[in-house]
């Protein structure tokens, strides 16, 4: 099943950097995932995201307010999928 990974923010360079780093991490891990950018303040507010950008995987907030490098994004994704019930 394809996972839904969203980078939520306002479209700034930090959001783009997290998007790019996430694409690299997904590719490196070989994940079956669709990565999209969401530039909608309503989406941010409805999720309680005060500090963009945010990394949301399968509707769960994984991280917000930081731009980790591709290696760290990979670690976050690996931790998320390891803790997710099968």
N, C-alpha and C. Protein backbone atom coordinates (compact mmCIF):
# COMPACT_ATOMS: atom_id res chain seq x y z
N UNK A 1 0.84 -1.18 0.00
CA UNK A 1 0.00 0.00 0.00
C UNK A 1 0.89 1.25 0.00
N UNK A 2 0.57 2.16 -0.87
CA UNK A 2 1.34 3.39 -1.00
C UNK A 2 1.07 4.31 0.18
N UNK A 3 2.14 4.80 0.79
CA UNK A 3 2.00 5.76 1.89
C UNK A 3 1.87 7.17 1.32
N UNK A 4 1.20 8.02 2.08
CA UNK A 4 1.01 9.41 1.71
C UNK A 4 1.90 10.26 2.62
N UNK A 5 2.90 10.90 2.02
CA UNK A 5 3.80 11.77 2.78
C UNK A 5 3.56 13.19 2.30
N UNK A 6 3.29 14.08 3.26
CA UNK A 6 3.05 15.48 2.91
C UNK A 6 4.03 16.38 3.64
N UNK A 7 4.51 17.37 2.89
CA UNK A 7 5.30 18.45 3.48
C UNK A 7 4.35 19.64 3.54
N UNK A 8 4.02 20.07 4.73
CA UNK A 8 3.04 21.13 4.91
C UNK A 8 3.75 22.40 5.36
N UNK A 9 3.49 23.47 4.64
CA UNK A 9 4.10 24.76 4.97
C UNK A 9 3.50 25.87 4.14
N UNK A 10 4.24 26.94 4.04
CA UNK A 10 3.74 28.12 3.34
C UNK A 10 4.42 28.34 2.00
N UNK A 11 5.24 27.40 1.59
CA UNK A 11 5.91 27.52 0.30
C UNK A 11 7.26 28.21 0.34
N UNK A 12 7.84 28.29 1.50
CA UNK A 12 9.14 28.96 1.64
C UNK A 12 10.28 28.01 1.23
N UNK A 13 11.49 28.53 1.23
CA UNK A 13 12.64 27.72 0.83
C UNK A 13 12.85 26.56 1.79
N UNK A 14 12.51 26.73 3.07
CA UNK A 14 12.66 25.63 4.04
C UNK A 14 11.71 24.48 3.70
N UNK A 15 10.51 24.82 3.26
CA UNK A 15 9.54 23.79 2.85
C UNK A 15 10.06 23.03 1.64
N UNK A 16 10.62 23.76 0.68
CA UNK A 16 11.18 23.13 -0.51
C UNK A 16 12.36 22.22 -0.14
N UNK A 17 13.18 22.69 0.78
CA UNK A 17 14.34 21.88 1.21
C UNK A 17 13.89 20.59 1.89
N UNK A 18 12.87 20.68 2.75
CA UNK A 18 12.36 19.47 3.40
C UNK A 18 11.74 18.54 2.36
N UNK A 19 11.03 19.09 1.40
CA UNK A 19 10.45 18.30 0.31
C UNK A 19 11.55 17.55 -0.44
N UNK A 20 12.60 18.27 -0.83
CA UNK A 20 13.71 17.65 -1.57
C UNK A 20 14.40 16.58 -0.73
N UNK A 21 14.63 16.87 0.55
CA UNK A 21 15.29 15.91 1.44
C UNK A 21 14.42 14.66 1.64
N UNK A 22 13.12 14.87 1.69
CA UNK A 22 12.19 13.74 1.85
C UNK A 22 12.19 12.86 0.60
N UNK A 23 12.18 13.49 -0.57
CA UNK A 23 12.25 12.71 -1.81
C UNK A 23 13.51 11.85 -1.84
N UNK A 24 14.64 12.42 -1.44
CA UNK A 24 15.90 11.67 -1.41
C UNK A 24 15.81 10.50 -0.43
N UNK A 25 15.25 10.75 0.75
CA UNK A 25 15.15 9.70 1.76
C UNK A 25 14.22 8.58 1.31
N UNK A 26 13.09 8.94 0.72
CA UNK A 26 12.14 7.94 0.23
C UNK A 26 12.80 7.07 -0.84
N UNK A 27 13.53 7.71 -1.73
CA UNK A 27 14.23 6.98 -2.79
C UNK A 27 15.29 6.06 -2.21
N UNK A 28 16.06 6.58 -1.27
CA UNK A 28 17.14 5.78 -0.66
C UNK A 28 16.59 4.58 0.10
N UNK A 29 15.45 4.77 0.77
CA UNK A 29 14.85 3.67 1.53
C UNK A 29 14.03 2.73 0.65
N UNK A 30 13.75 3.15 -0.57
CA UNK A 30 12.94 2.34 -1.47
C UNK A 30 11.49 2.23 -1.02
N UNK A 31 10.96 3.29 -0.43
CA UNK A 31 9.59 3.27 0.07
C UNK A 31 8.58 3.43 -1.06
N UNK A 32 7.44 2.80 -0.90
CA UNK A 32 6.32 2.98 -1.80
C UNK A 32 5.50 4.14 -1.22
N UNK A 33 5.82 5.37 -1.64
CA UNK A 33 5.18 6.55 -1.06
C UNK A 33 5.01 7.64 -2.10
N UNK A 34 3.95 8.39 -1.93
CA UNK A 34 3.69 9.57 -2.74
C UNK A 34 4.02 10.76 -1.86
N UNK A 35 4.94 11.62 -2.32
CA UNK A 35 5.36 12.80 -1.55
C UNK A 35 4.79 14.03 -2.23
N UNK A 36 4.06 14.83 -1.46
CA UNK A 36 3.48 16.06 -2.00
C UNK A 36 3.75 17.23 -1.06
N UNK A 37 3.73 18.42 -1.65
CA UNK A 37 3.82 19.65 -0.86
C UNK A 37 2.42 20.22 -0.74
N UNK A 38 2.10 20.67 0.45
CA UNK A 38 0.81 21.32 0.71
C UNK A 38 1.11 22.71 1.23
N UNK A 39 0.71 23.71 0.48
CA UNK A 39 0.97 25.10 0.86
C UNK A 39 -0.37 25.76 1.18
N UNK A 40 -0.93 25.35 2.31
CA UNK A 40 -2.27 25.80 2.70
C UNK A 40 -2.27 26.12 4.19
N UNK A 41 -2.45 27.39 4.52
CA UNK A 41 -2.44 27.78 5.93
C UNK A 41 -3.58 27.12 6.70
N UNK A 42 -4.70 26.88 6.02
CA UNK A 42 -5.83 26.21 6.68
C UNK A 42 -5.46 24.81 7.12
N UNK A 43 -4.71 24.10 6.27
CA UNK A 43 -4.24 22.75 6.61
C UNK A 43 -3.30 22.80 7.81
N UNK A 44 -2.41 23.79 7.80
CA UNK A 44 -1.48 23.95 8.93
C UNK A 44 -2.26 24.17 10.22
N UNK A 45 -3.19 25.11 10.19
CA UNK A 45 -3.93 25.46 11.40
C UNK A 45 -4.81 24.32 11.87
N UNK A 46 -5.44 23.59 10.95
CA UNK A 46 -6.31 22.49 11.36
C UNK A 46 -5.52 21.37 12.03
N UNK A 47 -4.24 21.27 11.71
CA UNK A 47 -3.40 20.24 12.32
C UNK A 47 -2.62 20.77 13.53
N UNK A 48 -2.78 22.05 13.84
CA UNK A 48 -2.08 22.63 14.98
C UNK A 48 -0.60 22.86 14.73
N UNK A 49 -0.22 22.99 13.47
CA UNK A 49 1.19 23.21 13.13
C UNK A 49 1.49 24.70 13.25
N UNK A 50 2.29 25.04 14.21
CA UNK A 50 2.63 26.44 14.44
C UNK A 50 3.96 26.82 13.80
N UNK A 51 4.82 25.86 13.60
CA UNK A 51 6.15 26.12 13.07
C UNK A 51 6.41 25.23 11.86
N UNK A 52 6.19 25.76 10.67
CA UNK A 52 6.45 24.97 9.46
C UNK A 52 7.94 24.91 9.17
N UNK A 53 8.36 24.02 8.32
CA UNK A 53 7.56 23.03 7.64
C UNK A 53 7.28 21.82 8.53
N UNK A 54 6.31 21.04 8.11
CA UNK A 54 5.94 19.84 8.86
C UNK A 54 5.98 18.63 7.94
N UNK A 55 6.33 17.50 8.51
CA UNK A 55 6.36 16.23 7.80
C UNK A 55 5.22 15.38 8.35
N UNK A 56 4.26 15.06 7.48
CA UNK A 56 3.08 14.28 7.87
C UNK A 56 3.08 13.00 7.03
N UNK A 57 2.99 11.87 7.72
CA UNK A 57 2.98 10.57 7.03
C UNK A 57 1.68 9.85 7.39
N UNK A 58 0.94 9.48 6.36
CA UNK A 58 -0.32 8.77 6.56
C UNK A 58 -1.17 9.43 7.64
N UNK A 59 -1.31 10.76 7.51
CA UNK A 59 -2.15 11.60 8.38
C UNK A 59 -1.60 11.79 9.79
N UNK A 60 -0.38 11.35 10.07
CA UNK A 60 0.21 11.54 11.39
C UNK A 60 1.39 12.49 11.30
N UNK A 61 1.38 13.49 12.18
CA UNK A 61 2.48 14.45 12.25
C UNK A 61 3.73 13.74 12.78
N UNK A 62 4.79 13.78 11.99
CA UNK A 62 6.05 13.13 12.38
C UNK A 62 7.03 14.16 12.92
N UNK A 63 7.04 15.37 12.33
CA UNK A 63 8.01 16.38 12.71
C UNK A 63 7.54 17.74 12.21
N UNK A 64 7.86 18.80 12.96
CA UNK A 64 7.54 20.15 12.51
C UNK A 64 8.60 21.13 13.00
N UNK A 65 8.79 22.19 12.21
CA UNK A 65 9.66 23.28 12.62
C UNK A 65 11.13 23.09 12.37
N UNK A 66 11.50 22.07 11.64
CA UNK A 66 12.91 21.78 11.40
C UNK A 66 13.08 21.33 9.95
N UNK A 67 14.31 21.39 9.47
CA UNK A 67 14.62 20.89 8.14
C UNK A 67 15.79 19.92 8.27
N UNK A 68 15.48 18.66 8.64
CA UNK A 68 16.55 17.68 8.78
C UNK A 68 17.13 17.30 7.43
N UNK A 69 18.39 16.86 7.45
CA UNK A 69 19.03 16.42 6.22
C UNK A 69 18.39 15.10 5.76
N UNK A 70 18.67 14.66 4.53
CA UNK A 70 18.03 13.43 4.02
C UNK A 70 18.24 12.21 4.91
N UNK A 71 19.42 12.10 5.51
CA UNK A 71 19.70 10.97 6.38
C UNK A 71 18.77 10.96 7.59
N UNK A 72 18.58 12.12 8.19
CA UNK A 72 17.71 12.22 9.37
C UNK A 72 16.24 12.00 8.98
N UNK A 73 15.83 12.51 7.81
CA UNK A 73 14.46 12.26 7.35
C UNK A 73 14.27 10.75 7.19
N UNK A 74 15.27 10.07 6.64
CA UNK A 74 15.20 8.62 6.50
C UNK A 74 15.04 7.93 7.85
N UNK A 75 15.76 8.41 8.86
CA UNK A 75 15.64 7.85 10.20
C UNK A 75 14.22 8.05 10.75
N UNK A 76 13.69 9.26 10.57
CA UNK A 76 12.33 9.56 11.04
C UNK A 76 11.31 8.66 10.35
N UNK A 77 11.46 8.49 9.05
CA UNK A 77 10.53 7.63 8.31
C UNK A 77 10.67 6.18 8.74
N UNK A 78 11.89 5.72 8.92
CA UNK A 78 12.12 4.34 9.36
C UNK A 78 11.50 4.10 10.73
N UNK A 79 11.68 5.06 11.65
CA UNK A 79 11.10 4.94 12.98
C UNK A 79 9.57 4.93 12.90
N UNK A 80 9.02 5.78 12.04
CA UNK A 80 7.57 5.83 11.89
C UNK A 80 7.03 4.49 11.41
N UNK A 81 7.61 3.95 10.35
CA UNK A 81 7.10 2.71 9.77
C UNK A 81 7.37 1.51 10.68
N UNK A 82 8.45 1.55 11.48
CA UNK A 82 8.72 0.47 12.41
C UNK A 82 7.70 0.43 13.54
N UNK A 83 7.18 1.60 13.93
CA UNK A 83 6.23 1.65 15.03
C UNK A 83 4.78 1.52 14.56
N UNK A 84 4.56 1.55 13.27
CA UNK A 84 3.21 1.48 12.72
C UNK A 84 2.72 0.04 12.75
N UNK A 85 1.50 -0.17 13.28
CA UNK A 85 0.96 -1.55 13.31
C UNK A 85 0.81 -2.09 11.89
N UNK A 86 1.11 -3.35 11.73
CA UNK A 86 1.02 -3.99 10.41
C UNK A 86 -0.39 -4.27 10.04
